[in-house]
Amino acid sequence: MSKKVNIIVTQPPYGKEDSYSAIPLAETQAAAGNSPSITFVSGGVHSVVKGQKTGYGDAAVWQKDVPSVEDTIIKAIESVKFYALDADLKKRGVADSEIIEGIGKLSIDDLTNRILDSEVTLVF
């Protein structure tokens, strides 16, 4: 039986691994037959802005090919539902035109209902 897995990301994507950790976790849940979603709240909403320079800096400096959070979201969007809290987007001045295509917006009531309806809620 499929479980609803609700993952909440609270931290911004700058030098943090929360988004990078949450997305593969959600993908593994989808592969296991569960129904995962990720909701970005608070500073985490910056993860859904197109063209963000996120992660660990320039790949040449770090000698790593670290994908952006945007690329990671786009890769996972077929198997994971992505949302951002509308009030936090507004508070941080993120316009609808700046949001990665396919990201839904939730009200605080919607988020509360998603938490109550899920079997598992994890917060990063």
PDB file of N, CA and C in Angstrom:
ATOM      1  N   MET A   1       0.840  -1.184   0.000  1.00  0.00           N
ATOM      2  CA  MET A   1       0.000   0.000   0.000  1.00  0.00           C
ATOM      3  C   MET A   1       0.886   1.248   0.000  1.00  0.00           C
ATOM      4  N   SER A   2       0.567   2.159  -0.859  1.00  0.00           N
ATOM      5  CA  SER A   2       1.337   3.391  -1.005  1.00  0.00           C
ATOM      6  C   SER A   2       1.112   4.326   0.183  1.00  0.00           C
ATOM      7  N   LYS A   3       2.210   4.895   0.668  1.00  0.00           N
ATOM      8  CA  LYS A   3       2.131   5.864   1.760  1.00  0.00           C
ATOM      9  C   LYS A   3       2.382   7.262   1.228  1.00  0.00           C
ATOM     10  N   LYS A   4       1.691   8.228   1.811  1.00  0.00           N
ATOM     11  CA  LYS A   4       1.941   9.634   1.487  1.00  0.00           C
ATOM     12  C   LYS A   4       3.108  10.099   2.350  1.00  0.00           C
ATOM     13  N   VAL A   5       4.167  10.530   1.697  1.00  0.00           N
ATOM     14  CA  VAL A   5       5.366  11.002   2.394  1.00  0.00           C
ATOM     15  C   VAL A   5       5.502  12.491   2.110  1.00  0.00           C
ATOM     16  N   ASN A   6       5.413  13.281   3.156  1.00  0.00           N
ATOM     17  CA  ASN A   6       5.450  14.736   3.067  1.00  0.00           C
ATOM     18  C   ASN A   6       6.797  15.210   3.605  1.00  0.00           C
ATOM     19  N   ILE A   7       7.597  15.837   2.752  1.00  0.00           N
ATOM     20  CA  ILE A   7       8.908  16.340   3.153  1.00  0.00           C
ATOM     21  C   ILE A   7       8.857  17.865   3.111  1.00  0.00           C
ATOM     22  N   ILE A   8       9.322  18.493   4.181  1.00  0.00           N
ATOM     23  CA  ILE A   8       9.311  19.951   4.280  1.00  0.00           C
ATOM     24  C   ILE A   8      10.749  20.447   4.380  1.00  0.00           C
ATOM     25  N   VAL A   9      11.107  21.390   3.503  1.00  0.00           N
ATOM     26  CA  VAL A   9      12.444  21.985   3.507  1.00  0.00           C
ATOM     27  C   VAL A   9      12.320  23.417   4.010  1.00  0.00           C
ATOM     28  N   THR A  10      13.042  23.713   5.104  1.00  0.00           N
ATOM     29  CA  THR A  10      12.922  25.029   5.745  1.00  0.00           C
ATOM     30  C   THR A  10      14.100  25.960   5.497  1.00  0.00           C
ATOM     31  N   GLN A  11      15.217  25.413   5.043  1.00  0.00           N
ATOM     32  CA  GLN A  11      16.450  26.199   4.934  1.00  0.00           C
ATOM     33  C   GLN A  11      16.710  26.633   3.494  1.00  0.00           C
ATOM     34  N   PRO A  12      17.329  27.810   3.315  1.00  0.00           N
ATOM     35  CA  PRO A  12      17.657  28.268   1.966  1.00  0.00           C
ATOM     36  C   PRO A  12      18.741  27.382   1.351  1.00  0.00           C
ATOM     37  N   PRO A  13      18.869  27.403   0.023  1.00  0.00           N
ATOM     38  CA  PRO A  13      19.788  26.494  -0.654  1.00  0.00           C
ATOM     39  C   PRO A  13      21.241  26.963  -0.712  1.00  0.00           C
ATOM     40  N   TYR A  14      21.579  28.000  -0.023  1.00  0.00           N
ATOM     41  CA  TYR A  14      22.924  28.570  -0.128  1.00  0.00           C
ATOM     42  C   TYR A  14      23.876  27.892   0.853  1.00  0.00           C
ATOM     43  N   GLY A  15      24.717  27.002   0.351  1.00  0.00           N
ATOM     44  CA  GLY A  15      25.681  26.318   1.197  1.00  0.00           C
ATOM     45  C   GLY A  15      25.074  25.281   2.115  1.00  0.00           C
ATOM     46  N   LYS A  16      23.810  24.990   1.942  1.00  0.00           N
ATOM     47  CA  LYS A  16      23.113  23.995   2.757  1.00  0.00           C
ATOM     48  C   LYS A  16      22.842  22.761   1.905  1.00  0.00           C
ATOM     49  N   GLU A  17      22.674  21.638   2.539  1.00  0.00           N
ATOM     50  CA  GLU A  17      22.385  20.415   1.804  1.00  0.00           C
ATOM     51  C   GLU A  17      20.948  19.954   1.976  1.00  0.00           C
ATOM     52  N   ASP A  18      20.104  20.743   2.599  1.00  0.00           N
ATOM     53  CA  ASP A  18      18.740  20.300   2.874  1.00  0.00           C
ATOM     54  C   ASP A  18      17.971  19.948   1.596  1.00  0.00           C
ATOM     55  N   SER A  19      17.971  20.839   0.614  1.00  0.00           N
ATOM     56  CA  SER A  19      17.287  20.536  -0.644  1.00  0.00           C
ATOM     57  C   SER A  19      17.940  19.354  -1.345  1.00  0.00           C
ATOM     58  N   TYR A  20      19.264  19.349  -1.357  1.00  0.00           N
ATOM     59  CA  TYR A  20      19.991  18.256  -2.007  1.00  0.00           C
ATOM     60  C   TYR A  20      19.691  16.920  -1.342  1.00  0.00           C
ATOM     61  N   SER A  21      19.435  16.911  -0.057  1.00  0.00           N
ATOM     62  CA  SER A  21      19.108  15.674   0.659  1.00  0.00           C
ATOM     63  C   SER A  21      17.647  15.294   0.483  1.00  0.00           C
ATOM     64  N   ALA A  22      16.766  16.278   0.500  1.00  0.00           N
ATOM     65  CA  ALA A  22      15.328  16.016   0.438  1.00  0.00           C
ATOM     66  C   ALA A  22      14.896  15.444  -0.904  1.00  0.00           C
ATOM     67  N   ILE A  23      15.461  15.957  -1.980  1.00  0.00           N
ATOM     68  CA  ILE A  23      15.009  15.542  -3.310  1.00  0.00           C
ATOM     69  C   ILE A  23      15.342  14.069  -3.598  1.00  0.00           C
ATOM     70  N   PRO A  24      16.580  13.616  -3.392  1.00  0.00           N
ATOM     71  CA  PRO A  24      16.839  12.176  -3.615  1.00  0.00           C
ATOM     72  C   PRO A  24      16.042  11.276  -2.669  1.00  0.00           C
ATOM     73  N   LEU A  25      15.823  11.742  -1.437  1.00  0.00           N
ATOM     74  CA  LEU A  25      14.997  10.963  -0.513  1.00  0.00           C
ATOM     75  C   LEU A  25      13.595  10.797  -1.078  1.00  0.00           C
ATOM     76  N   ALA A  26      13.027  11.875  -1.598  1.00  0.00           N
ATOM     77  CA  ALA A  26      11.691  11.800  -2.199  1.00  0.00           C
ATOM     78  C   ALA A  26      11.687  10.876  -3.412  1.00  0.00           C
ATOM     79  N   GLU A  27      12.751  10.931  -4.218  1.00  0.00           N
ATOM     80  CA  GLU A  27      12.831  10.054  -5.387  1.00  0.00           C
ATOM     81  C   GLU A  27      12.882   8.585  -4.976  1.00  0.00           C
ATOM     82  N   THR A  28      13.584   8.277  -3.897  1.00  0.00           N
ATOM     83  CA  THR A  28      13.624   6.881  -3.439  1.00  0.00           C
ATOM     84  C   THR A  28      12.254   6.440  -2.946  1.00  0.00           C
ATOM     85  N   GLN A  29      11.505   7.349  -2.363  1.00  0.00           N
ATOM     86  CA  GLN A  29      10.153   7.015  -1.910  1.00  0.00           C
ATOM     87  C   GLN A  29       9.244   6.721  -3.106  1.00  0.00           C
ATOM     88  N   ALA A  30       9.396   7.500  -4.174  1.00  0.00           N
ATOM     89  CA  ALA A  30       8.616   7.243  -5.388  1.00  0.00           C
ATOM     90  C   ALA A  30       8.992   5.879  -5.973  1.00  0.00           C
ATOM     91  N   ALA A  31      10.280   5.568  -5.993  1.00  0.00           N
ATOM     92  CA  ALA A  31      10.745   4.281  -6.518  1.00  0.00           C
ATOM     93  C   ALA A  31      10.228   3.114  -5.684  1.00  0.00           C
ATOM     94  N   ALA A  32       9.991   3.356  -4.398  1.00  0.00           N
ATOM     95  CA  ALA A  32       9.471   2.321  -3.506  1.00  0.00           C
ATOM     96  C   ALA A  32       7.950   2.205  -3.586  1.00  0.00           C
ATOM     97  N   GLY A  33       7.331   3.014  -4.441  1.00  0.00           N
ATOM     98  CA  GLY A  33       5.880   2.938  -4.614  1.00  0.00           C
ATOM     99  C   GLY A  33       5.089   3.877  -3.739  1.00  0.00           C
ATOM    100  N   ASN A  34       5.757   4.745  -3.022  1.00  0.00           N
ATOM    101  CA  ASN A  34       5.055   5.726  -2.184  1.00  0.00           C
ATOM    102  C   ASN A  34       4.763   6.993  -2.977  1.00  0.00           C
ATOM    103  N   SER A  35       3.988   7.902  -2.382  1.00  0.00           N
ATOM    104  CA  SER A  35       3.607   9.165  -3.015  1.00  0.00           C
ATOM    105  C   SER A  35       4.290  10.320  -2.285  1.00  0.00           C
ATOM    106  N   PRO A  36       5.484  10.720  -2.736  1.00  0.00           N
ATOM    107  CA  PRO A  36       6.217  11.775  -2.036  1.00  0.00           C
ATOM    108  C   PRO A  36       5.888  13.173  -2.544  1.00  0.00           C
ATOM    109  N   SER A  37       5.989  14.121  -1.634  1.00  0.00           N
ATOM    110  CA  SER A  37       5.918  15.530  -2.014  1.00  0.00           C
ATOM    111  C   SER A  37       6.926  16.292  -1.169  1.00  0.00           C
ATOM    112  N   ILE A  38       7.409  17.388  -1.743  1.00  0.00           N
ATOM    113  CA  ILE A  38       8.307  18.278  -1.015  1.00  0.00           C
ATOM    114  C   ILE A  38       7.663  19.648  -1.006  1.00  0.00           C
ATOM    115  N   THR A  39       7.595  20.249   0.182  1.00  0.00           N
ATOM    116  CA  THR A  39       7.090  21.608   0.319  1.00  0.00           C
ATOM    117  C   THR A  39       8.209  22.477   0.870  1.00  0.00           C
ATOM    118  N   PHE A  40       8.514  23.553   0.153  1.00  0.00           N
ATOM    119  CA  PHE A  40       9.536  24.501   0.575  1.00  0.00           C
ATOM    120  C   PHE A  40       8.860  25.625   1.352  1.00  0.00           C
ATOM    121  N   VAL A  41       9.330  25.864   2.567  1.00  0.00           N
ATOM    122  CA  VAL A  41       8.765  26.897   3.438  1.00  0.00           C
ATOM    123  C   VAL A  41       9.897  27.786   3.950  1.00  0.00           C
ATOM    124  N   SER A  42       9.541  28.888   4.565  1.00  0.00           N
ATOM    125  CA  SER A  42      10.510  29.803   5.160  1.00  0.00           C
ATOM    126  C   SER A  42      11.584  30.127   4.119  1.00  0.00           C
ATOM    127  N   GLY A  43      12.860  30.116   4.494  1.00  0.00           N
ATOM    128  CA  GLY A  43      13.934  30.397   3.551  1.00  0.00           C
ATOM    129  C   GLY A  43      14.086  29.348   2.481  1.00  0.00           C
ATOM    130  N   GLY A  44      13.484  28.190   2.698  1.00  0.00           N
ATOM    131  CA  GLY A  44      13.543  27.122   1.712  1.00  0.00           C
ATOM    132  C   GLY A  44      12.901  27.480   0.386  1.00  0.00           C
ATOM    133  N   VAL A  45      11.999  28.484   0.378  1.00  0.00           N
ATOM    134  CA  VAL A  45      11.339  28.860  -0.878  1.00  0.00           C
ATOM    135  C   VAL A  45      12.337  29.377  -1.916  1.00  0.00           C
ATOM    136  N   HIS A  46      13.508  29.815  -1.490  1.00  0.00           N
ATOM    137  CA  HIS A  46      14.511  30.271  -2.453  1.00  0.00           C
ATOM    138  C   HIS A  46      14.999  29.124  -3.339  1.00  0.00           C
ATOM    139  N   SER A  47      14.759  27.894  -2.925  1.00  0.00           N
ATOM    140  CA  SER A  47      15.148  26.729  -3.724  1.00  0.00           C
ATOM    141  C   SER A  47      14.350  26.623  -5.017  1.00  0.00           C
ATOM    142  N   VAL A  48      13.177  27.236  -5.090  1.00  0.00           N
ATOM    143  CA  VAL A  48      12.319  27.099  -6.271  1.00  0.00           C
ATOM    144  C   VAL A  48      12.442  28.275  -7.236  1.00  0.00           C
ATOM    145  N   VAL A  49      13.414  29.147  -7.020  1.00  0.00           N
ATOM    146  CA  VAL A  49      13.613  30.296  -7.900  1.00  0.00           C
ATOM    147  C   VAL A  49      14.497  29.884  -9.081  1.00  0.00           C
ATOM    148  N   LYS A  50      14.033  30.185 -10.298  1.00  0.00           N
ATOM    149  CA  LYS A  50      14.786  29.863 -11.511  1.00  0.00           C
ATOM    150  C   LYS A  50      16.147  30.552 -11.491  1.00  0.00           C
ATOM    151  N   GLY A  51      17.158  29.839 -11.969  1.00  0.00           N
ATOM    152  CA  GLY A  51      18.471  30.433 -12.174  1.00  0.00           C
ATOM    153  C   GLY A  51      19.283  30.732 -10.931  1.00  0.00           C
ATOM    154  N   GLN A  52      18.867  30.182  -9.800  1.00  0.00           N
ATOM    155  CA  GLN A  52      19.613  30.422  -8.556  1.00  0.00           C
ATOM    156  C   GLN A  52      21.022  29.858  -8.657  1.00  0.00           C
ATOM    157  N   LYS A  53      21.974  30.571  -8.113  1.00  0.00           N
ATOM    158  CA  LYS A  53      23.332  30.044  -7.935  1.00  0.00           C
ATOM    159  C   LYS A  53      23.340  29.431  -6.548  1.00  0.00           C
ATOM    160  N   THR A  54      23.201  28.125  -6.501  1.00  0.00           N
ATOM    161  CA  THR A  54      23.078  27.441  -5.215  1.00  0.00           C
ATOM    162  C   THR A  54      24.176  26.412  -5.055  1.00  0.00           C
ATOM    163  N   GLY A  55      24.209  25.811  -3.904  1.00  0.00           N
ATOM    164  CA  GLY A  55      25.145  24.724  -3.674  1.00  0.00           C
ATOM    165  C   GLY A  55      26.466  25.217  -3.136  1.00  0.00           C
ATOM    166  N   TYR A  56      27.526  24.685  -3.687  1.00  0.00           N
ATOM    167  CA  TYR A  56      28.848  24.871  -3.103  1.00  0.00           C
ATOM    168  C   TYR A  56      29.728  25.826  -3.880  1.00  0.00           C
ATOM    169  N   GLY A  57      29.166  26.581  -4.775  1.00  0.00           N
ATOM    170  CA  GLY A  57      29.968  27.536  -5.523  1.00  0.00           C
ATOM    171  C   GLY A  57      30.325  27.023  -6.900  1.00  0.00           C
ATOM    172  N   ASP A  58      31.252  27.705  -7.536  1.00  0.00           N
ATOM    173  CA  ASP A  58      31.665  27.405  -8.886  1.00  0.00           C
ATOM    174  C   ASP A  58      32.309  26.008  -8.969  1.00  0.00           C
ATOM    175  N   ALA A  59      31.875  25.218  -9.937  1.00  0.00           N
ATOM    176  CA  ALA A  59      32.379  23.841 -10.066  1.00  0.00           C
ATOM    177  C   ALA A  59      33.886  23.801 -10.287  1.00  0.00           C
ATOM    178  N   ALA A  60      34.437  24.774 -11.002  1.00  0.00           N
ATOM    179  CA  ALA A  60      35.883  24.793 -11.243  1.00  0.00           C
ATOM    180  C   ALA A  60      36.665  24.995  -9.946  1.00  0.00           C
ATOM    181  N   VAL A  61      36.110  25.788  -9.047  1.00  0.00           N
ATOM    182  CA  VAL A  61      36.764  26.027  -7.762  1.00  0.00           C
ATOM    183  C   VAL A  61      36.723  24.780  -6.898  1.00  0.00           C
ATOM    184  N   TRP A  62      35.594  24.117  -6.896  1.00  0.00           N
ATOM    185  CA  TRP A  62      35.398  22.971  -6.008  1.00  0.00           C
ATOM    186  C   TRP A  62      35.797  21.652  -6.647  1.00  0.00           C
ATOM    187  N   GLN A  63      36.103  21.671  -7.939  1.00  0.00           N
ATOM    188  CA  GLN A  63      36.485  20.449  -8.651  1.00  0.00           C
ATOM    189  C   GLN A  63      35.403  19.375  -8.572  1.00  0.00           C
ATOM    190  N   LYS A  64      34.173  19.824  -8.541  1.00  0.00           N
ATOM    191  CA  LYS A  64      33.043  18.899  -8.496  1.00  0.00           C
ATOM    192  C   LYS A  64      31.990  19.385  -9.479  1.00  0.00           C
ATOM    193  N   ASP A  65      31.207  18.466  -9.975  1.00  0.00           N
ATOM    194  CA  ASP A  65      30.102  18.826 -10.845  1.00  0.00           C
ATOM    195  C   ASP A  65      28.817  18.692 -10.034  1.00  0.00           C
ATOM    196  N   VAL A  66      28.546  19.670  -9.202  1.00  0.00           N
ATOM    197  CA  VAL A  66      27.371  19.646  -8.345  1.00  0.00           C
ATOM    198  C   VAL A  66      26.211  20.300  -9.096  1.00  0.00           C
ATOM    199  N   PRO A  67      25.141  19.549  -9.369  1.00  0.00           N
ATOM    200  CA  PRO A  67      24.017  20.142 -10.097  1.00  0.00           C
ATOM    201  C   PRO A  67      23.315  21.193  -9.242  1.00  0.00           C
ATOM    202  N   SER A  68      22.667  22.127  -9.899  1.00  0.00           N
ATOM    203  CA  SER A  68      21.904  23.129  -9.158  1.00  0.00           C
ATOM    204  C   SER A  68      20.658  22.477  -8.574  1.00  0.00           C
ATOM    205  N   VAL A  69      20.078  23.129  -7.582  1.00  0.00           N
ATOM    206  CA  VAL A  69      18.815  22.639  -7.018  1.00  0.00           C
ATOM    207  C   VAL A  69      17.750  22.641  -8.116  1.00  0.00           C
ATOM    208  N   GLU A  70      17.763  23.668  -8.949  1.00  0.00           N
ATOM    209  CA  GLU A  70      16.798  23.747 -10.051  1.00  0.00           C
ATOM    210  C   GLU A  70      16.901  22.519 -10.960  1.00  0.00           C
ATOM    211  N   ASP A  71      18.118  22.159 -11.378  1.00  0.00           N
ATOM    212  CA  ASP A  71      18.298  20.982 -12.230  1.00  0.00           C
ATOM    213  C   ASP A  71      17.822  19.713 -11.534  1.00  0.00           C
ATOM    214  N   THR A  72      18.071  19.624 -10.236  1.00  0.00           N
ATOM    215  CA  THR A  72      17.671  18.447  -9.465  1.00  0.00           C
ATOM    216  C   THR A  72      16.147  18.362  -9.370  1.00  0.00           C
ATOM    217  N   ILE A  73      15.493  19.505  -9.170  1.00  0.00           N
ATOM    218  CA  ILE A  73      14.020  19.538  -9.130  1.00  0.00           C
ATOM    219  C   ILE A  73      13.455  19.127 -10.485  1.00  0.00           C
ATOM    220  N   ILE A  74      13.978  19.710 -11.560  1.00  0.00           N
ATOM    221  CA  ILE A  74      13.468  19.411 -12.901  1.00  0.00           C
ATOM    222  C   ILE A  74      13.609  17.922 -13.215  1.00  0.00           C
ATOM    223  N   LYS A  75      14.715  17.335 -12.816  1.00  0.00           N
ATOM    224  CA  LYS A  75      14.942  15.898 -13.043  1.00  0.00           C
ATOM    225  C   LYS A  75      13.917  15.045 -12.286  1.00  0.00           C
ATOM    226  N   ALA A  76      13.505  15.496 -11.103  1.00  0.00           N
ATOM    227  CA  ALA A  76      12.620  14.697 -10.240  1.00  0.00           C
ATOM    228  C   ALA A  76      11.141  15.028 -10.389  1.00  0.00           C
ATOM    229  N   ILE A  77      10.804  16.034 -11.174  1.00  0.00           N
ATOM    230  CA  ILE A  77       9.430  16.559 -11.177  1.00  0.00           C
ATOM    231  C   ILE A  77       8.392  15.555 -11.687  1.00  0.00           C
ATOM    232  N   GLU A  78       8.819  14.547 -12.420  1.00  0.00           N
ATOM    233  CA  GLU A  78       7.879  13.522 -12.900  1.00  0.00           C
ATOM    234  C   GLU A  78       7.447  12.571 -11.784  1.00  0.00           C
ATOM    235  N   SER A  79       8.308  12.371 -10.783  1.00  0.00           N
ATOM    236  CA  SER A  79       8.009  11.379  -9.740  1.00  0.00           C
ATOM    237  C   SER A  79       7.701  11.994  -8.378  1.00  0.00           C
ATOM    238  N   VAL A  80       7.996  13.274  -8.204  1.00  0.00           N
ATOM    239  CA  VAL A  80       7.803  13.956  -6.915  1.00  0.00           C
ATOM    240  C   VAL A  80       6.963  15.205  -7.141  1.00  0.00           C
ATOM    241  N   LYS A  81       6.014  15.433  -6.252  1.00  0.00           N
ATOM    242  CA  LYS A  81       5.232  16.677  -6.311  1.00  0.00           C
ATOM    243  C   LYS A  81       5.972  17.735  -5.498  1.00  0.00           C
ATOM    244  N   PHE A  82       6.125  18.915  -6.083  1.00  0.00           N
ATOM    245  CA  PHE A  82       6.834  20.014  -5.426  1.00  0.00           C
ATOM    246  C   PHE A  82       5.883  21.175  -5.188  1.00  0.00           C
ATOM    247  N   TYR A  83       6.010  21.767  -3.983  1.00  0.00           N
ATOM    248  CA  TYR A  83       5.188  22.908  -3.597  1.00  0.00           C
ATOM    249  C   TYR A  83       6.043  23.941  -2.870  1.00  0.00           C
ATOM    250  N   ALA A  84       5.538  25.162  -2.835  1.00  0.00           N
ATOM    251  CA  ALA A  84       6.132  26.222  -2.016  1.00  0.00           C
ATOM    252  C   ALA A  84       5.005  26.924  -1.281  1.00  0.00           C
ATOM    253  N   LEU A  85       5.285  27.342  -0.067  1.00  0.00           N
ATOM    254  CA  LEU A  85       4.276  28.026   0.743  1.00  0.00           C
ATOM    255  C   LEU A  85       4.093  29.443   0.215  1.00  0.00           C
ATOM    256  N   ASP A  86       2.879  29.750  -0.221  1.00  0.00           N
ATOM    257  CA  ASP A  86       2.557  31.023  -0.852  1.00  0.00           C
ATOM    258  C   ASP A  86       2.937  32.230   0.027  1.00  0.00           C
ATOM    259  N   ALA A  87       2.609  32.179   1.298  1.00  0.00           N
ATOM    260  CA  ALA A  87       2.897  33.312   2.195  1.00  0.00           C
ATOM    261  C   ALA A  87       4.400  33.579   2.290  1.00  0.00           C
ATOM    262  N   ASP A  88       5.212  32.513   2.272  1.00  0.00           N
ATOM    263  CA  ASP A  88       6.664  32.691   2.362  1.00  0.00           C
ATOM    264  C   ASP A  88       7.250  33.198   1.053  1.00  0.00           C
ATOM    265  N   LEU A  89       6.663  32.813  -0.075  1.00  0.00           N
ATOM    266  CA  LEU A  89       7.085  33.382  -1.359  1.00  0.00           C
ATOM    267  C   LEU A  89       6.819  34.882  -1.373  1.00  0.00           C
ATOM    268  N   LYS A  90       5.630  35.274  -0.929  1.00  0.00           N
ATOM    269  CA  LYS A  90       5.272  36.703  -0.894  1.00  0.00           C
ATOM    270  C   LYS A  90       6.178  37.466   0.058  1.00  0.00           C
ATOM    271  N   LYS A  91       6.403  36.905   1.235  1.00  0.00           N
ATOM    272  CA  LYS A  91       7.232  37.566   2.247  1.00  0.00           C
ATOM    273  C   LYS A  91       8.644  37.829   1.731  1.00  0.00           C
ATOM    274  N   ARG A  92       9.134  36.946   0.876  1.00  0.00           N
ATOM    275  CA  ARG A  92      10.500  37.064   0.353  1.00  0.00           C
ATOM    276  C   ARG A  92      10.545  37.706  -1.024  1.00  0.00           C
ATOM    277  N   GLY A  93       9.398  38.180  -1.504  1.00  0.00           N
ATOM    278  CA  GLY A  93       9.353  38.905  -2.767  1.00  0.00           C
ATOM    279  C   GLY A  93       9.581  38.061  -4.008  1.00  0.00           C
ATOM    280  N   VAL A  94       9.234  36.783  -3.941  1.00  0.00           N
ATOM    281  CA  VAL A  94       9.410  35.891  -5.090  1.00  0.00           C
ATOM    282  C   VAL A  94       8.143  35.949  -5.941  1.00  0.00           C
ATOM    283  N   ALA A  95       8.290  36.464  -7.158  1.00  0.00           N
ATOM    284  CA  ALA A  95       7.158  36.587  -8.081  1.00  0.00           C
ATOM    285  C   ALA A  95       6.865  35.250  -8.746  1.00  0.00           C
ATOM    286  N   ASP A  96       5.623  35.069  -9.190  1.00  0.00           N
ATOM    287  CA  ASP A  96       5.234  33.831  -9.872  1.00  0.00           C
ATOM    288  C   ASP A  96       6.129  33.552 -11.076  1.00  0.00           C
ATOM    289  N   SER A  97       6.534  34.591 -11.788  1.00  0.00           N
ATOM    290  CA  SER A  97       7.365  34.420 -12.989  1.00  0.00           C
ATOM    291  C   SER A  97       8.767  33.906 -12.661  1.00  0.00           C
ATOM    292  N   GLU A  98       9.174  33.978 -11.408  1.00  0.00           N
ATOM    293  CA  GLU A  98      10.503  33.528 -10.992  1.00  0.00           C
ATOM    294  C   GLU A  98      10.530  32.060 -10.549  1.00  0.00           C
ATOM    295  N   ILE A  99       9.368  31.454 -10.413  1.00  0.00           N
ATOM    296  CA  ILE A  99       9.271  30.099  -9.868  1.00  0.00           C
ATOM    297  C   ILE A  99       9.476  29.061 -10.967  1.00  0.00           C
ATOM    298  N   ILE A 100      10.235  28.025 -10.659  1.00  0.00           N
ATOM    299  CA  ILE A 100      10.469  26.919 -11.591  1.00  0.00           C
ATOM    300  C   ILE A 100       9.120  26.341 -12.024  1.00  0.00           C
ATOM    301  N   GLU A 101       8.988  26.094 -13.318  1.00  0.00           N
ATOM    302  CA  GLU A 101       7.744  25.544 -13.846  1.00  0.00           C
ATOM    303  C   GLU A 101       7.442  24.189 -13.207  1.00  0.00           C
ATOM    304  N   GLY A 102       6.186  23.995 -12.821  1.00  0.00           N
ATOM    305  CA  GLY A 102       5.766  22.731 -12.221  1.00  0.00           C
ATOM    306  C   GLY A 102       5.692  22.755 -10.703  1.00  0.00           C
ATOM    307  N   ILE A 103       6.123  23.860 -10.087  1.00  0.00           N
ATOM    308  CA  ILE A 103       6.047  23.992  -8.633  1.00  0.00           C
ATOM    309  C   ILE A 103       4.667  24.548  -8.284  1.00  0.00           C
ATOM    310  N   GLY A 104       3.941  23.843  -7.419  1.00  0.00           N
ATOM    311  CA  GLY A 104       2.644  24.325  -6.967  1.00  0.00           C
ATOM    312  C   GLY A 104       2.791  25.246  -5.773  1.00  0.00           C
ATOM    313  N   LYS A 105       1.783  26.047  -5.535  1.00  0.00           N
ATOM    314  CA  LYS A 105       1.778  26.915  -4.359  1.00  0.00           C
ATOM    315  C   LYS A 105       0.704  26.435  -3.398  1.00  0.00           C
ATOM    316  N   LEU A 106       1.029  26.479  -2.110  1.00  0.00           N
ATOM    317  CA  LEU A 106       0.095  26.057  -1.061  1.00  0.00           C
ATOM    318  C   LEU A 106      -0.140  27.190  -0.079  1.00  0.00           C
ATOM    319  N   SER A 107      -1.346  27.238   0.455  1.00  0.00           N
ATOM    320  CA  SER A 107      -1.623  28.120   1.589  1.00  0.00           C
ATOM    321  C   SER A 107      -1.228  27.371   2.857  1.00  0.00           C
ATOM    322  N   ILE A 108      -1.208  28.060   3.964  1.00  0.00           N
ATOM    323  CA  ILE A 108      -0.884  27.400   5.239  1.00  0.00           C
ATOM    324  C   ILE A 108      -1.946  26.350   5.572  1.00  0.00           C
ATOM    325  N   ASP A 109      -3.193  26.595   5.213  1.00  0.00           N
ATOM    326  CA  ASP A 109      -4.241  25.596   5.437  1.00  0.00           C
ATOM    327  C   ASP A 109      -4.003  24.345   4.583  1.00  0.00           C
ATOM    328  N   ASP A 110      -3.592  24.563   3.324  1.00  0.00           N
ATOM    329  CA  ASP A 110      -3.279  23.425   2.448  1.00  0.00           C
ATOM    330  C   ASP A 110      -2.137  22.602   3.034  1.00  0.00           C
ATOM    331  N   LEU A 111      -1.103  23.279   3.515  1.00  0.00           N
ATOM    332  CA  LEU A 111       0.043  22.578   4.091  1.00  0.00           C
ATOM    333  C   LEU A 111      -0.381  21.795   5.333  1.00  0.00           C
ATOM    334  N   THR A 112      -1.185  22.402   6.174  1.00  0.00           N
ATOM    335  CA  THR A 112      -1.687  21.724   7.373  1.00  0.00           C
ATOM    336  C   THR A 112      -2.440  20.452   6.986  1.00  0.00           C
ATOM    337  N   ASN A 113      -3.294  20.554   5.980  1.00  0.00           N
ATOM    338  CA  ASN A 113      -4.049  19.380   5.528  1.00  0.00           C
ATOM    339  C   ASN A 113      -3.134  18.306   4.954  1.00  0.00           C
ATOM    340  N   ARG A 114      -2.098  18.706   4.227  1.00  0.00           N
ATOM    341  CA  ARG A 114      -1.149  17.728   3.683  1.00  0.00           C
ATOM    342  C   ARG A 114      -0.439  16.996   4.816  1.00  0.00           C
ATOM    343  N   ILE A 115      -0.080  17.713   5.869  1.00  0.00           N
ATOM    344  CA  ILE A 115       0.584  17.089   7.018  1.00  0.00           C
ATOM    345  C   ILE A 115      -0.361  16.103   7.695  1.00  0.00           C
ATOM    346  N   LEU A 116      -1.592  16.517   7.903  1.00  0.00           N
ATOM    347  CA  LEU A 116      -2.568  15.650   8.561  1.00  0.00           C
ATOM    348  C   LEU A 116      -2.912  14.417   7.725  1.00  0.00           C
ATOM    349  N   ASP A 117      -2.876  14.557   6.402  1.00  0.00           N
ATOM    350  CA  ASP A 117      -3.236  13.461   5.499  1.00  0.00           C
ATOM    351  C   ASP A 117      -2.095  12.492   5.219  1.00  0.00           C
ATOM    352  N   SER A 118      -0.862  12.872   5.531  1.00  0.00           N
ATOM    353  CA  SER A 118       0.272  12.004   5.202  1.00  0.00           C
ATOM    354  C   SER A 118       0.569  11.027   6.333  1.00  0.00           C
ATOM    355  N   GLU A 119       1.113   9.890   5.951  1.00  0.00           N
ATOM    356  CA  GLU A 119       1.538   8.911   6.949  1.00  0.00           C
ATOM    357  C   GLU A 119       2.884   9.277   7.556  1.00  0.00           C
ATOM    358  N   VAL A 120       3.709   9.981   6.767  1.00  0.00           N
ATOM    359  CA  VAL A 120       5.047  10.348   7.205  1.00  0.00           C
ATOM    360  C   VAL A 120       5.296  11.812   6.835  1.00  0.00           C
ATOM    361  N   THR A 121       5.807  12.593   7.796  1.00  0.00           N
ATOM    362  CA  THR A 121       6.253  13.951   7.527  1.00  0.00           C
ATOM    363  C   THR A 121       7.658  14.102   8.069  1.00  0.00           C
ATOM    364  N   LEU A 122       8.570  14.527   7.199  1.00  0.00           N
ATOM    365  CA  LEU A 122       9.958  14.758   7.565  1.00  0.00           C
ATOM    366  C   LEU A 122      10.276  16.234   7.334  1.00  0.00           C
ATOM    367  N   VAL A 123      11.051  16.819   8.248  1.00  0.00           N
ATOM    368  CA  VAL A 123      11.402  18.228   8.114  1.00  0.00           C
ATOM    369  C   VAL A 123      12.917  18.362   8.042  1.00  0.00           C
ATOM    370  N   PHE A 124      13.377  19.069   7.013  1.00  0.00           N
ATOM    371  CA  PHE A 124      14.809  19.352   6.841  1.00  0.00           C
ATOM    372  C   PHE A 124      15.045  20.813   7.183  1.00  0.00           C
TER     373      PHE A 124
END
